[in-house]
PDB file of N, CA and C in Angstrom:
ATOM      1  N   MET A   1     130.152 153.574 166.504  1.00  0.00           N
ATOM      2  CA  MET A   1     131.184 154.590 166.602  1.00  0.00           C
ATOM      3  C   MET A   1     132.077 154.257 167.799  1.00  0.00           C
ATOM      4  N   THR A   2     133.374 154.472 167.604  1.00  0.00           N
ATOM      5  CA  THR A   2     134.324 154.152 168.641  1.00  0.00           C
ATOM      6  C   THR A   2     134.484 155.305 169.592  1.00  0.00           C
ATOM      7  N   LYS A   3     134.974 154.981 170.777  1.00  0.00           N
ATOM      8  CA  LYS A   3     135.295 155.997 171.731  1.00  0.00           C
ATOM      9  C   LYS A   3     136.594 156.673 171.299  1.00  0.00           C
ATOM     10  N   PRO A   4     136.745 157.968 171.616  1.00  0.00           N
ATOM     11  CA  PRO A   4     138.016 158.627 171.277  1.00  0.00           C
ATOM     12  C   PRO A   4     139.151 158.025 172.075  1.00  0.00           C
ATOM     13  N   TYR A   5     140.361 158.117 171.537  1.00  0.00           N
ATOM     14  CA  TYR A   5     141.491 157.555 172.276  1.00  0.00           C
ATOM     15  C   TYR A   5     141.779 158.389 173.496  1.00  0.00           C
ATOM     16  N   HIS A   6     142.381 157.711 174.472  1.00  0.00           N
ATOM     17  CA  HIS A   6     142.715 158.361 175.755  1.00  0.00           C
ATOM     18  C   HIS A   6     144.207 158.494 175.857  1.00  0.00           C
ATOM     19  N   CYS A   7     144.691 159.664 176.170  1.00  0.00           N
ATOM     20  CA  CYS A   7     146.148 159.905 176.326  1.00  0.00           C
ATOM     21  C   CYS A   7     146.472 160.267 177.757  1.00  0.00           C
ATOM     22  N   THR A   8     147.590 159.690 178.202  1.00  0.00           N
ATOM     23  CA  THR A   8     148.213 160.139 179.449  1.00  0.00           C
ATOM     24  C   THR A   8     149.622 160.522 179.096  1.00  0.00           C
ATOM     25  N   ALA A   9     150.410 160.861 180.069  1.00  0.00           N
ATOM     26  CA  ALA A   9     151.794 161.292 179.823  1.00  0.00           C
ATOM     27  C   ALA A   9     152.633 160.116 179.261  1.00  0.00           C
ATOM     28  N   ARG A  10     152.237 158.892 179.517  1.00  0.00           N
ATOM     29  CA  ARG A  10     153.073 157.772 179.108  1.00  0.00           C
ATOM     30  C   ARG A  10     152.407 156.771 178.194  1.00  0.00           C
ATOM     31  N   THR A  11     151.120 156.887 177.976  1.00  0.00           N
ATOM     32  CA  THR A  11     150.419 155.886 177.144  1.00  0.00           C
ATOM     33  C   THR A  11     149.395 156.564 176.212  1.00  0.00           C
ATOM     34  N   ILE A  12     149.052 155.813 175.195  1.00  0.00           N
ATOM     35  CA  ILE A  12     147.964 156.194 174.317  1.00  0.00           C
ATOM     36  C   ILE A  12     147.088 154.942 174.231  1.00  0.00           C
ATOM     37  N   SER A  13     145.845 155.049 174.643  1.00  0.00           N
ATOM     38  CA  SER A  13     144.921 153.942 174.544  1.00  0.00           C
ATOM     39  C   SER A  13     144.077 154.174 173.292  1.00  0.00           C
ATOM     40  N   LEU A  14     144.056 153.225 172.447  1.00  0.00           N
ATOM     41  CA  LEU A  14     143.372 153.386 171.144  1.00  0.00           C
ATOM     42  C   LEU A  14     142.271 152.325 171.072  1.00  0.00           C
ATOM     43  N   GLN A  15     141.051 152.745 170.733  1.00  0.00           N
ATOM     44  CA  GLN A  15     139.955 151.811 170.564  1.00  0.00           C
ATOM     45  C   GLN A  15     139.895 151.400 169.101  1.00  0.00           C
ATOM     46  N   ILE A  16     139.861 150.091 168.852  1.00  0.00           N
ATOM     47  CA  ILE A  16     139.757 149.586 167.517  1.00  0.00           C
ATOM     48  C   ILE A  16     138.337 149.146 167.231  1.00  0.00           C
ATOM     49  N   PRO A  17     137.720 149.657 166.172  1.00  0.00           N
ATOM     50  CA  PRO A  17     136.357 149.209 165.877  1.00  0.00           C
ATOM     51  C   PRO A  17     136.239 147.704 165.698  1.00  0.00           C
ATOM     52  N   THR A  18     135.123 147.164 166.109  1.00  0.00           N
ATOM     53  CA  THR A  18     134.898 145.738 165.963  1.00  0.00           C
ATOM     54  C   THR A  18     134.015 145.423 164.755  1.00  0.00           C
ATOM     55  N   ARG A  19     133.659 146.414 163.987  1.00  0.00           N
ATOM     56  CA  ARG A  19     132.767 146.198 162.838  1.00  0.00           C
ATOM     57  C   ARG A  19     133.422 146.619 161.502  1.00  0.00           C
ATOM     58  N   TRP A  20     134.737 146.529 161.424  1.00  0.00           N
ATOM     59  CA  TRP A  20     135.361 146.797 160.145  1.00  0.00           C
ATOM     60  C   TRP A  20     135.049 145.725 159.141  1.00  0.00           C
ATOM     61  N   THR A  21     135.025 146.083 157.915  1.00  0.00           N
ATOM     62  CA  THR A  21     134.883 145.051 156.873  1.00  0.00           C
ATOM     63  C   THR A  21     136.268 144.404 156.771  1.00  0.00           C
ATOM     64  N   PRO A  22     136.348 143.244 156.156  1.00  0.00           N
ATOM     65  CA  PRO A  22     137.644 142.640 155.922  1.00  0.00           C
ATOM     66  C   PRO A  22     138.592 143.542 155.142  1.00  0.00           C
ATOM     67  N   GLU A  23     138.039 144.286 154.174  1.00  0.00           N
ATOM     68  CA  GLU A  23     138.829 145.203 153.412  1.00  0.00           C
ATOM     69  C   GLU A  23     139.425 146.318 154.236  1.00  0.00           C
ATOM     70  N   GLN A  24     138.614 146.850 155.167  1.00  0.00           N
ATOM     71  CA  GLN A  24     139.083 147.907 156.041  1.00  0.00           C
ATOM     72  C   GLN A  24     140.168 147.397 156.968  1.00  0.00           C
ATOM     73  N   ALA A  25     139.945 146.226 157.537  1.00  0.00           N
ATOM     74  CA  ALA A  25     140.963 145.640 158.431  1.00  0.00           C
ATOM     75  C   ALA A  25     142.266 145.372 157.684  1.00  0.00           C
ATOM     76  N   PHE A  26     142.144 144.871 156.465  1.00  0.00           N
ATOM     77  CA  PHE A  26     143.331 144.593 155.641  1.00  0.00           C
ATOM     78  C   PHE A  26     144.106 145.892 155.322  1.00  0.00           C
ATOM     79  N   ALA A  27     143.401 146.949 155.036  1.00  0.00           N
ATOM     80  CA  ALA A  27     144.014 148.239 154.717  1.00  0.00           C
ATOM     81  C   ALA A  27     144.809 148.770 155.930  1.00  0.00           C
ATOM     82  N   VAL A  28     144.219 148.679 157.084  1.00  0.00           N
ATOM     83  CA  VAL A  28     144.916 149.095 158.317  1.00  0.00           C
ATOM     84  C   VAL A  28     146.137 148.214 158.558  1.00  0.00           C
ATOM     85  N   PHE A  29     145.957 146.929 158.394  1.00  0.00           N
ATOM     86  CA  PHE A  29     147.074 145.996 158.551  1.00  0.00           C
ATOM     87  C   PHE A  29     148.222 146.293 157.642  1.00  0.00           C
ATOM     88  N   GLU A  30     147.908 146.636 156.366  1.00  0.00           N
ATOM     89  CA  GLU A  30     148.940 146.970 155.388  1.00  0.00           C
ATOM     90  C   GLU A  30     149.680 148.264 155.810  1.00  0.00           C
ATOM     91  N   ILE A  31     148.960 149.226 156.284  1.00  0.00           N
ATOM     92  CA  ILE A  31     149.603 150.481 156.714  1.00  0.00           C
ATOM     93  C   ILE A  31     150.517 150.199 157.896  1.00  0.00           C
ATOM     94  N   ILE A  32     150.089 149.406 158.853  1.00  0.00           N
ATOM     95  CA  ILE A  32     150.959 149.085 159.993  1.00  0.00           C
ATOM     96  C   ILE A  32     152.190 148.333 159.533  1.00  0.00           C
ATOM     97  N   ASP A  33     152.025 147.404 158.601  1.00  0.00           N
ATOM     98  CA  ASP A  33     153.130 146.642 158.057  1.00  0.00           C
ATOM     99  C   ASP A  33     154.137 147.567 157.372  1.00  0.00           C
ATOM    100  N   GLU A  34     153.651 148.480 156.561  1.00  0.00           N
ATOM    101  CA  GLU A  34     154.510 149.414 155.871  1.00  0.00           C
ATOM    102  C   GLU A  34     155.250 150.365 156.881  1.00  0.00           C
ATOM    103  N   LEU A  35     154.526 150.766 157.904  1.00  0.00           N
ATOM    104  CA  LEU A  35     155.142 151.566 158.957  1.00  0.00           C
ATOM    105  C   LEU A  35     156.271 150.806 159.645  1.00  0.00           C
ATOM    106  N   ARG A  36     156.015 149.554 159.946  1.00  0.00           N
ATOM    107  CA  ARG A  36     157.024 148.736 160.556  1.00  0.00           C
ATOM    108  C   ARG A  36     158.270 148.632 159.664  1.00  0.00           C
ATOM    109  N   ASP A  37     158.063 148.373 158.395  1.00  0.00           N
ATOM    110  CA  ASP A  37     159.169 148.286 157.446  1.00  0.00           C
ATOM    111  C   ASP A  37     159.948 149.600 157.374  1.00  0.00           C
ATOM    112  N   ALA A  38     159.235 150.705 157.352  1.00  0.00           N
ATOM    113  CA  ALA A  38     159.896 152.022 157.265  1.00  0.00           C
ATOM    114  C   ALA A  38     160.706 152.289 158.513  1.00  0.00           C
ATOM    115  N   ILE A  39     160.186 151.948 159.699  1.00  0.00           N
ATOM    116  CA  ILE A  39     160.920 152.172 160.950  1.00  0.00           C
ATOM    117  C   ILE A  39     162.190 151.273 160.917  1.00  0.00           C
ATOM    118  N   TRP A  40     162.018 150.020 160.472  1.00  0.00           N
ATOM    119  CA  TRP A  40     163.175 149.117 160.412  1.00  0.00           C
ATOM    120  C   TRP A  40     164.255 149.668 159.479  1.00  0.00           C
ATOM    121  N   LEU A  41     163.864 150.198 158.340  1.00  0.00           N
ATOM    122  CA  LEU A  41     164.836 150.761 157.401  1.00  0.00           C
ATOM    123  C   LEU A  41     165.633 151.911 158.029  1.00  0.00           C
ATOM    124  N   GLY A  42     164.950 152.734 158.801  1.00  0.00           N
ATOM    125  CA  GLY A  42     165.608 153.896 159.371  1.00  0.00           C
ATOM    126  C   GLY A  42     166.367 153.639 160.675  1.00  0.00           C
ATOM    127  N   TYR A  43     165.967 152.537 161.388  1.00  0.00           N
ATOM    128  CA  TYR A  43     166.533 152.345 162.706  1.00  0.00           C
ATOM    129  C   TYR A  43     166.993 150.908 162.944  1.00  0.00           C
ATOM    130  N   ALA A  44     167.345 150.175 161.907  1.00  0.00           N
ATOM    131  CA  ALA A  44     167.667 148.749 162.051  1.00  0.00           C
ATOM    132  C   ALA A  44     168.762 148.525 163.107  1.00  0.00           C
ATOM    133  N   LEU A  45     169.854 149.261 162.990  1.00  0.00           N
ATOM    134  CA  LEU A  45     170.961 149.050 163.949  1.00  0.00           C
ATOM    135  C   LEU A  45     170.582 149.377 165.369  1.00  0.00           C
ATOM    136  N   GLN A  46     169.866 150.490 165.546  1.00  0.00           N
ATOM    137  CA  GLN A  46     169.446 150.871 166.886  1.00  0.00           C
ATOM    138  C   GLN A  46     168.438 149.831 167.461  1.00  0.00           C
ATOM    139  N   LEU A  47     167.550 149.375 166.612  1.00  0.00           N
ATOM    140  CA  LEU A  47     166.591 148.371 167.076  1.00  0.00           C
ATOM    141  C   LEU A  47     167.293 147.057 167.439  1.00  0.00           C
ATOM    142  N   GLN A  48     168.283 146.656 166.652  1.00  0.00           N
ATOM    143  CA  GLN A  48     169.029 145.447 166.976  1.00  0.00           C
ATOM    144  C   GLN A  48     169.760 145.579 168.287  1.00  0.00           C
ATOM    145  N   GLU A  49     170.363 146.746 168.499  1.00  0.00           N
ATOM    146  CA  GLU A  49     171.021 147.001 169.807  1.00  0.00           C
ATOM    147  C   GLU A  49     170.023 146.944 170.945  1.00  0.00           C
ATOM    148  N   GLU A  50     168.871 147.548 170.734  1.00  0.00           N
ATOM    149  CA  GLU A  50     167.841 147.534 171.775  1.00  0.00           C
ATOM    150  C   GLU A  50     167.376 146.104 172.076  1.00  0.00           C
ATOM    151  N   TYR A  51     167.161 145.279 171.035  1.00  0.00           N
ATOM    152  CA  TYR A  51     166.790 143.903 171.231  1.00  0.00           C
ATOM    153  C   TYR A  51     167.857 143.187 172.072  1.00  0.00           C
ATOM    154  N   ARG A  52     169.141 143.408 171.702  1.00  0.00           N
ATOM    155  CA  ARG A  52     170.253 142.815 172.429  1.00  0.00           C
ATOM    156  C   ARG A  52     170.243 143.230 173.882  1.00  0.00           C
ATOM    157  N   ASP A  53     170.077 144.536 174.148  1.00  0.00           N
ATOM    158  CA  ASP A  53     170.060 145.036 175.514  1.00  0.00           C
ATOM    159  C   ASP A  53     168.890 144.436 176.300  1.00  0.00           C
ATOM    160  N   GLN A  54     167.775 144.326 175.644  1.00  0.00           N
ATOM    161  CA  GLN A  54     166.604 143.774 176.367  1.00  0.00           C
ATOM    162  C   GLN A  54     166.853 142.307 176.717  1.00  0.00           C
ATOM    163  N   LEU A  55     167.464 141.559 175.841  1.00  0.00           N
ATOM    164  CA  LEU A  55     167.748 140.158 176.116  1.00  0.00           C
ATOM    165  C   LEU A  55     168.829 140.067 177.191  1.00  0.00           C
ATOM    166  N   ARG A  56     169.799 140.914 177.124  1.00  0.00           N
ATOM    167  CA  ARG A  56     170.895 140.884 178.115  1.00  0.00           C
ATOM    168  C   ARG A  56     170.405 141.196 179.518  1.00  0.00           C
ATOM    169  N   HIS A  57     169.385 142.039 179.616  1.00  0.00           N
ATOM    170  CA  HIS A  57     168.865 142.425 180.936  1.00  0.00           C
ATOM    171  C   HIS A  57     167.666 141.582 181.341  1.00  0.00           C
ATOM    172  N   HIS A  58     167.396 140.565 180.570  1.00  0.00           N
ATOM    173  CA  HIS A  58     166.242 139.688 180.878  1.00  0.00           C
ATOM    174  C   HIS A  58     166.565 138.919 182.156  1.00  0.00           C
ATOM    175  N   ASP A  59     165.630 138.942 183.099  1.00  0.00           N
ATOM    176  CA  ASP A  59     165.811 138.250 184.349  1.00  0.00           C
ATOM    177  C   ASP A  59     165.219 136.857 184.235  1.00  0.00           C
ATOM    178  N   PRO A  60     166.072 135.798 184.209  1.00  0.00           N
ATOM    179  CA  PRO A  60     165.593 134.439 184.058  1.00  0.00           C
ATOM    180  C   PRO A  60     164.653 133.998 185.174  1.00  0.00           C
ATOM    181  N   GLU A  61     164.708 134.673 186.318  1.00  0.00           N
ATOM    182  CA  GLU A  61     163.827 134.336 187.441  1.00  0.00           C
ATOM    183  C   GLU A  61     162.379 134.551 187.052  1.00  0.00           C
ATOM    184  N   TYR A  62     162.121 135.520 186.164  1.00  0.00           N
ATOM    185  CA  TYR A  62     160.760 135.783 185.754  1.00  0.00           C
ATOM    186  C   TYR A  62     160.380 135.065 184.430  1.00  0.00           C
ATOM    187  N   ASP A  63     161.282 134.246 183.929  1.00  0.00           N
ATOM    188  CA  ASP A  63     161.006 133.533 182.672  1.00  0.00           C
ATOM    189  C   ASP A  63     160.037 132.390 182.966  1.00  0.00           C
ATOM    190  N   PRO A  64     158.881 132.359 182.284  1.00  0.00           N
ATOM    191  CA  PRO A  64     157.875 131.328 182.546  1.00  0.00           C
ATOM    192  C   PRO A  64     158.320 129.939 182.036  1.00  0.00           C
ATOM    193  N   ILE A  65     159.369 129.885 181.225  1.00  0.00           N
ATOM    194  CA  ILE A  65     159.824 128.586 180.692  1.00  0.00           C
ATOM    195  C   ILE A  65     160.884 128.024 181.582  1.00  0.00           C
ATOM    196  N   ASP A  66     160.631 126.819 182.095  1.00  0.00           N
ATOM    197  CA  ASP A  66     161.611 126.146 182.957  1.00  0.00           C
ATOM    198  C   ASP A  66     162.543 125.332 182.043  1.00  0.00           C
ATOM    199  N   PRO A  67     163.819 125.698 181.969  1.00  0.00           N
ATOM    200  CA  PRO A  67     164.755 124.989 181.037  1.00  0.00           C
ATOM    201  C   PRO A  67     164.917 123.511 181.448  1.00  0.00           C
ATOM    202  N   ASP A  68     164.652 123.169 182.680  1.00  0.00           N
ATOM    203  CA  ASP A  68     164.766 121.744 183.102  1.00  0.00           C
ATOM    204  C   ASP A  68     163.539 120.922 182.747  1.00  0.00           C
ATOM    205  N   ASP A  69     162.500 121.594 182.269  1.00  0.00           N
ATOM    206  CA  ASP A  69     161.229 120.934 181.951  1.00  0.00           C
ATOM    207  C   ASP A  69     160.896 120.935 180.469  1.00  0.00           C
ATOM    208  N   LEU A  70     161.944 121.069 179.601  1.00  0.00           N
ATOM    209  CA  LEU A  70     161.717 121.066 178.191  1.00  0.00           C
ATOM    210  C   LEU A  70     161.549 119.625 177.678  1.00  0.00           C
ATOM    211  N   PRO A  71     160.695 119.442 176.674  1.00  0.00           N
ATOM    212  CA  PRO A  71     160.399 118.062 176.202  1.00  0.00           C
ATOM    213  C   PRO A  71     161.497 117.459 175.305  1.00  0.00           C
ATOM    214  N   PHE A  72     162.555 118.163 175.082  1.00  0.00           N
ATOM    215  CA  PHE A  72     163.607 117.660 174.193  1.00  0.00           C
ATOM    216  C   PHE A  72     164.954 117.777 174.863  1.00  0.00           C
TER     217      PHE A  72
END
């Protein structure tokens, strides 16, 4: 049995069982995939704007990839 989820004002911690059957895991995966698609259908433009804003405000100082150390 899993522990109940823990909520705070800003987060929800969810415990995922480690003994699901492959069928159970696949069913949950399908639901999440459908939820993602439904959110994208309803909020595609807003999500694209958010992605753009996130990239625009990305601080390269914290980027773990060194552009001078690329193999190509």
